[in-house]
């Protein structure tokens, strides 16, 4: 059974690079909106199974 996702997620647009599912590595972010998205997922709530999720999209 597919796991459900929340209706809205913080978005982190990337100008360079590719992130694969389950990939681990550093990301350089500096724009205020990107920093806010990263900070929004930085706090883990054990009661919320979707806390810590972020949508990463490559920008052209």
PDB file of N, CA and C in Angstrom:
ATOM      1  N   UNK A   1       0.852  -1.179   0.000  1.00  0.00           N
ATOM      2  CA  UNK A   1       0.000   0.000   0.000  1.00  0.00           C
ATOM      3  C   UNK A   1       0.895   1.238   0.000  1.00  0.00           C
ATOM      4  N   UNK A   2       0.651   2.181  -0.910  1.00  0.00           N
ATOM      5  CA  UNK A   2       1.476   3.396  -0.934  1.00  0.00           C
ATOM      6  C   UNK A   2       1.257   4.255   0.307  1.00  0.00           C
ATOM      7  N   UNK A   3       2.328   4.851   0.748  1.00  0.00           N
ATOM      8  CA  UNK A   3       2.263   5.743   1.907  1.00  0.00           C
ATOM      9  C   UNK A   3       1.730   7.103   1.456  1.00  0.00           C
ATOM     10  N   UNK A   4       0.833   7.679   2.244  1.00  0.00           N
ATOM     11  CA  UNK A   4       0.281   8.984   1.883  1.00  0.00           C
ATOM     12  C   UNK A   4       1.254  10.095   2.263  1.00  0.00           C
ATOM     13  N   UNK A   5       1.193  11.179   1.525  1.00  0.00           N
ATOM     14  CA  UNK A   5       2.033  12.347   1.780  1.00  0.00           C
ATOM     15  C   UNK A   5       1.140  13.522   2.155  1.00  0.00           C
ATOM     16  N   UNK A   6       1.693  14.499   2.861  1.00  0.00           N
ATOM     17  CA  UNK A   6       0.897  15.682   3.193  1.00  0.00           C
ATOM     18  C   UNK A   6       0.544  16.484   1.938  1.00  0.00           C
ATOM     19  N   UNK A   7      -0.489  17.299   2.042  1.00  0.00           N
ATOM     20  CA  UNK A   7      -0.940  18.112   0.906  1.00  0.00           C
ATOM     21  C   UNK A   7       0.072  19.185   0.531  1.00  0.00           C
ATOM     22  N   UNK A   8       0.890  19.631   1.482  1.00  0.00           N
ATOM     23  CA  UNK A   8       1.886  20.674   1.218  1.00  0.00           C
ATOM     24  C   UNK A   8       3.211  20.284   1.859  1.00  0.00           C
ATOM     25  N   UNK A   9       4.295  20.587   1.162  1.00  0.00           N
ATOM     26  CA  UNK A   9       5.653  20.357   1.668  1.00  0.00           C
ATOM     27  C   UNK A   9       6.485  21.610   1.416  1.00  0.00           C
ATOM     28  N   UNK A  10       7.498  21.872   2.264  1.00  0.00           N
ATOM     29  CA  UNK A  10       8.435  22.953   1.960  1.00  0.00           C
ATOM     30  C   UNK A  10       9.210  22.595   0.681  1.00  0.00           C
ATOM     31  N   UNK A  11       9.475  23.576  -0.160  1.00  0.00           N
ATOM     32  CA  UNK A  11      10.159  23.339  -1.438  1.00  0.00           C
ATOM     33  C   UNK A  11      11.559  23.928  -1.389  1.00  0.00           C
ATOM     34  N   UNK A  12      12.530  23.130  -1.820  1.00  0.00           N
ATOM     35  CA  UNK A  12      13.918  23.575  -1.923  1.00  0.00           C
ATOM     36  C   UNK A  12      14.329  23.469  -3.389  1.00  0.00           C
ATOM     37  N   UNK A  13      14.351  24.590  -4.130  1.00  0.00           N
ATOM     38  CA  UNK A  13      14.782  24.537  -5.528  1.00  0.00           C
ATOM     39  C   UNK A  13      16.311  24.507  -5.614  1.00  0.00           C
ATOM     40  N   UNK A  14      16.833  23.637  -6.469  1.00  0.00           N
ATOM     41  CA  UNK A  14      18.278  23.544  -6.681  1.00  0.00           C
ATOM     42  C   UNK A  14      18.617  24.103  -8.049  1.00  0.00           C
ATOM     43  N   UNK A  15      19.644  24.929  -8.113  1.00  0.00           N
ATOM     44  CA  UNK A  15      20.078  25.487  -9.396  1.00  0.00           C
ATOM     45  C   UNK A  15      21.094  24.579 -10.072  1.00  0.00           C
ATOM     46  N   UNK A  16      21.814  23.804  -9.302  1.00  0.00           N
ATOM     47  CA  UNK A  16      22.818  22.898  -9.862  1.00  0.00           C
ATOM     48  C   UNK A  16      22.739  21.568  -9.130  1.00  0.00           C
ATOM     49  N   UNK A  17      23.092  20.524  -9.831  1.00  0.00           N
ATOM     50  CA  UNK A  17      23.189  19.225  -9.198  1.00  0.00           C
ATOM     51  C   UNK A  17      21.909  18.422  -9.263  1.00  0.00           C
ATOM     52  N   UNK A  18      22.025  17.207  -8.782  1.00  0.00           N
ATOM     53  CA  UNK A  18      20.915  16.266  -8.753  1.00  0.00           C
ATOM     54  C   UNK A  18      20.920  15.590  -7.399  1.00  0.00           C
ATOM     55  N   UNK A  19      19.750  15.392  -6.839  1.00  0.00           N
ATOM     56  CA  UNK A  19      19.621  14.665  -5.578  1.00  0.00           C
ATOM     57  C   UNK A  19      18.785  13.430  -5.858  1.00  0.00           C
ATOM     58  N   UNK A  20      19.315  12.264  -5.539  1.00  0.00           N
ATOM     59  CA  UNK A  20      18.595  11.021  -5.750  1.00  0.00           C
ATOM     60  C   UNK A  20      17.866  10.617  -4.479  1.00  0.00           C
ATOM     61  N   UNK A  21      16.762   9.881  -4.608  1.00  0.00           N
ATOM     62  CA  UNK A  21      16.027   9.441  -3.411  1.00  0.00           C
ATOM     63  C   UNK A  21      16.939   8.667  -2.460  1.00  0.00           C
ATOM     64  N   UNK A  22      16.902   9.028  -1.209  1.00  0.00           N
ATOM     65  CA  UNK A  22      17.733   8.372  -0.205  1.00  0.00           C
ATOM     66  C   UNK A  22      19.177   8.836  -0.213  1.00  0.00           C
ATOM     67  N   UNK A  23      19.511   9.761  -1.093  1.00  0.00           N
ATOM     68  CA  UNK A  23      20.885  10.245  -1.183  1.00  0.00           C
ATOM     69  C   UNK A  23      21.265  11.100   0.013  1.00  0.00           C
ATOM     70  N   UNK A  24      22.526  11.029   0.370  1.00  0.00           N
ATOM     71  CA  UNK A  24      23.040  11.810   1.492  1.00  0.00           C
ATOM     72  C   UNK A  24      24.217  12.637   0.988  1.00  0.00           C
ATOM     73  N   UNK A  25      24.202  13.919   1.287  1.00  0.00           N
ATOM     74  CA  UNK A  25      25.300  14.778   0.882  1.00  0.00           C
ATOM     75  C   UNK A  25      24.985  16.217   1.222  1.00  0.00           C
ATOM     76  N   UNK A  26      25.991  17.073   1.192  1.00  0.00           N
ATOM     77  CA  UNK A  26      25.773  18.481   1.539  1.00  0.00           C
ATOM     78  C   UNK A  26      25.084  19.238   0.406  1.00  0.00           C
ATOM     79  N   UNK A  27      24.288  20.213   0.785  1.00  0.00           N
ATOM     80  CA  UNK A  27      23.662  21.134  -0.162  1.00  0.00           C
ATOM     81  C   UNK A  27      24.023  22.545   0.265  1.00  0.00           C
ATOM     82  N   UNK A  28      24.416  23.377  -0.681  1.00  0.00           N
ATOM     83  CA  UNK A  28      24.699  24.782  -0.385  1.00  0.00           C
ATOM     84  C   UNK A  28      23.449  25.590  -0.684  1.00  0.00           C
ATOM     85  N   UNK A  29      22.898  26.218   0.346  1.00  0.00           N
ATOM     86  CA  UNK A  29      21.716  27.055   0.155  1.00  0.00           C
ATOM     87  C   UNK A  29      22.004  28.427   0.732  1.00  0.00           C
ATOM     88  N   UNK A  30      21.409  29.459   0.123  1.00  0.00           N
ATOM     89  CA  UNK A  30      21.689  30.804   0.605  1.00  0.00           C
ATOM     90  C   UNK A  30      20.530  31.763   0.455  1.00  0.00           C
ATOM     91  N   UNK A  31      19.598  31.446  -0.436  1.00  0.00           N
ATOM     92  CA  UNK A  31      18.451  32.335  -0.625  1.00  0.00           C
ATOM     93  C   UNK A  31      17.516  32.228   0.575  1.00  0.00           C
ATOM     94  N   UNK A  32      16.906  33.332   0.979  1.00  0.00           N
ATOM     95  CA  UNK A  32      16.056  33.331   2.181  1.00  0.00           C
ATOM     96  C   UNK A  32      14.946  32.278   2.151  1.00  0.00           C
ATOM     97  N   UNK A  33      14.306  32.087   0.998  1.00  0.00           N
ATOM     98  CA  UNK A  33      13.244  31.085   0.907  1.00  0.00           C
ATOM     99  C   UNK A  33      13.764  29.672   1.075  1.00  0.00           C
ATOM    100  N   UNK A  34      14.959  29.412   0.530  1.00  0.00           N
ATOM    101  CA  UNK A  34      15.570  28.089   0.660  1.00  0.00           C
ATOM    102  C   UNK A  34      15.985  27.823   2.099  1.00  0.00           C
ATOM    103  N   UNK A  35      16.518  28.837   2.745  1.00  0.00           N
ATOM    104  CA  UNK A  35      16.907  28.695   4.153  1.00  0.00           C
ATOM    105  C   UNK A  35      15.673  28.424   5.007  1.00  0.00           C
ATOM    106  N   UNK A  36      14.582  29.131   4.737  1.00  0.00           N
ATOM    107  CA  UNK A  36      13.344  28.924   5.494  1.00  0.00           C
ATOM    108  C   UNK A  36      12.813  27.507   5.294  1.00  0.00           C
ATOM    109  N   UNK A  37      12.888  26.985   4.071  1.00  0.00           N
ATOM    110  CA  UNK A  37      12.429  25.618   3.806  1.00  0.00           C
ATOM    111  C   UNK A  37      13.282  24.610   4.566  1.00  0.00           C
ATOM    112  N   UNK A  38      14.601  24.808   4.556  1.00  0.00           N
ATOM    113  CA  UNK A  38      15.491  23.892   5.272  1.00  0.00           C
ATOM    114  C   UNK A  38      15.251  23.956   6.776  1.00  0.00           C
ATOM    115  N   UNK A  39      15.029  25.142   7.295  1.00  0.00           N
ATOM    116  CA  UNK A  39      14.761  25.271   8.729  1.00  0.00           C
ATOM    117  C   UNK A  39      13.423  24.650   9.103  1.00  0.00           C
ATOM    118  N   UNK A  40      12.452  24.684   8.197  1.00  0.00           N
ATOM    119  CA  UNK A  40      11.135  24.105   8.476  1.00  0.00           C
ATOM    120  C   UNK A  40      11.215  22.596   8.666  1.00  0.00           C
ATOM    121  N   UNK A  41      12.130  21.939   7.979  1.00  0.00           N
ATOM    122  CA  UNK A  41      12.250  20.483   8.124  1.00  0.00           C
ATOM    123  C   UNK A  41      13.319  20.096   9.132  1.00  0.00           C
ATOM    124  N   UNK A  42      14.030  21.061   9.662  1.00  0.00           N
ATOM    125  CA  UNK A  42      15.094  20.767  10.611  1.00  0.00           C
ATOM    126  C   UNK A  42      14.606  20.335  11.975  1.00  0.00           C
ATOM    127  N   UNK A  43      13.333  20.566  12.266  1.00  0.00           N
ATOM    128  CA  UNK A  43      12.773  20.198  13.565  1.00  0.00           C
ATOM    129  C   UNK A  43      11.947  18.937  13.381  1.00  0.00           C
ATOM    130  N   UNK A  44      12.361  17.840  14.015  1.00  0.00           N
ATOM    131  CA  UNK A  44      11.658  16.563  13.894  1.00  0.00           C
ATOM    132  C   UNK A  44      10.654  16.412  15.019  1.00  0.00           C
ATOM    133  N   UNK A  45       9.441  16.068  14.670  1.00  0.00           N
ATOM    134  CA  UNK A  45       8.379  15.814  15.642  1.00  0.00           C
ATOM    135  C   UNK A  45       8.061  14.325  15.605  1.00  0.00           C
ATOM    136  N   UNK A  46       8.422  13.564  16.644  1.00  0.00           N
ATOM    137  CA  UNK A  46       8.175  12.117  16.641  1.00  0.00           C
ATOM    138  C   UNK A  46       6.698  11.756  16.469  1.00  0.00           C
ATOM    139  N   UNK A  47       5.787  12.650  16.837  1.00  0.00           N
ATOM    140  CA  UNK A  47       4.355  12.375  16.703  1.00  0.00           C
ATOM    141  C   UNK A  47       3.875  12.546  15.260  1.00  0.00           C
ATOM    142  N   UNK A  48       4.665  13.211  14.415  1.00  0.00           N
ATOM    143  CA  UNK A  48       4.274  13.456  13.024  1.00  0.00           C
ATOM    144  C   UNK A  48       5.173  12.648  12.092  1.00  0.00           C
ATOM    145  N   UNK A  49       4.632  11.616  11.430  1.00  0.00           N
ATOM    146  CA  UNK A  49       5.480  10.792  10.558  1.00  0.00           C
ATOM    147  C   UNK A  49       5.993  11.535   9.327  1.00  0.00           C
ATOM    148  N   UNK A  50       5.412  12.698   9.010  1.00  0.00           N
ATOM    149  CA  UNK A  50       5.850  13.465   7.847  1.00  0.00           C
ATOM    150  C   UNK A  50       6.803  14.601   8.198  1.00  0.00           C
ATOM    151  N   UNK A  51       7.126  14.780   9.464  1.00  0.00           N
ATOM    152  CA  UNK A  51       8.066  15.850   9.801  1.00  0.00           C
ATOM    153  C   UNK A  51       9.428  15.487   9.224  1.00  0.00           C
ATOM    154  N   UNK A  52      10.122  16.466   8.751  1.00  0.00           N
ATOM    155  CA  UNK A  52      11.432  16.229   8.158  1.00  0.00           C
ATOM    156  C   UNK A  52      11.396  16.026   6.654  1.00  0.00           C
ATOM    157  N   UNK A  53      10.205  16.041   6.036  1.00  0.00           N
ATOM    158  CA  UNK A  53      10.113  15.880   4.586  1.00  0.00           C
ATOM    159  C   UNK A  53      10.243  17.233   3.895  1.00  0.00           C
ATOM    160  N   UNK A  54      10.930  17.225   2.753  1.00  0.00           N
ATOM    161  CA  UNK A  54      11.076  18.433   1.942  1.00  0.00           C
ATOM    162  C   UNK A  54      11.041  18.018   0.473  1.00  0.00           C
ATOM    163  N   UNK A  55      10.478  18.855  -0.369  1.00  0.00           N
ATOM    164  CA  UNK A  55      10.448  18.601  -1.803  1.00  0.00           C
ATOM    165  C   UNK A  55      11.639  19.320  -2.425  1.00  0.00           C
ATOM    166  N   UNK A  56      12.546  18.555  -3.027  1.00  0.00           N
ATOM    167  CA  UNK A  56      13.723  19.125  -3.687  1.00  0.00           C
ATOM    168  C   UNK A  56      13.475  19.063  -5.193  1.00  0.00           C
ATOM    169  N   UNK A  57      13.533  20.216  -5.857  1.00  0.00           N
ATOM    170  CA  UNK A  57      13.271  20.292  -7.294  1.00  0.00           C
ATOM    171  C   UNK A  57      14.444  20.967  -7.990  1.00  0.00           C
ATOM    172  N   UNK A  58      14.853  20.405  -9.118  1.00  0.00           N
ATOM    173  CA  UNK A  58      15.952  20.984  -9.891  1.00  0.00           C
ATOM    174  C   UNK A  58      15.391  22.095 -10.768  1.00  0.00           C
ATOM    175  N   UNK A  59      16.070  23.227 -10.745  1.00  0.00           N
ATOM    176  CA  UNK A  59      15.682  24.418 -11.491  1.00  0.00           C
ATOM    177  C   UNK A  59      16.590  24.543 -12.706  1.00  0.00           C
ATOM    178  N   UNK A  60      16.052  24.924 -13.839  1.00  0.00           N
ATOM    179  CA  UNK A  60      16.904  25.126 -15.018  1.00  0.00           C
ATOM    180  C   UNK A  60      17.075  26.588 -15.291  1.00  0.00           C
TER     181      UNK A  60
END
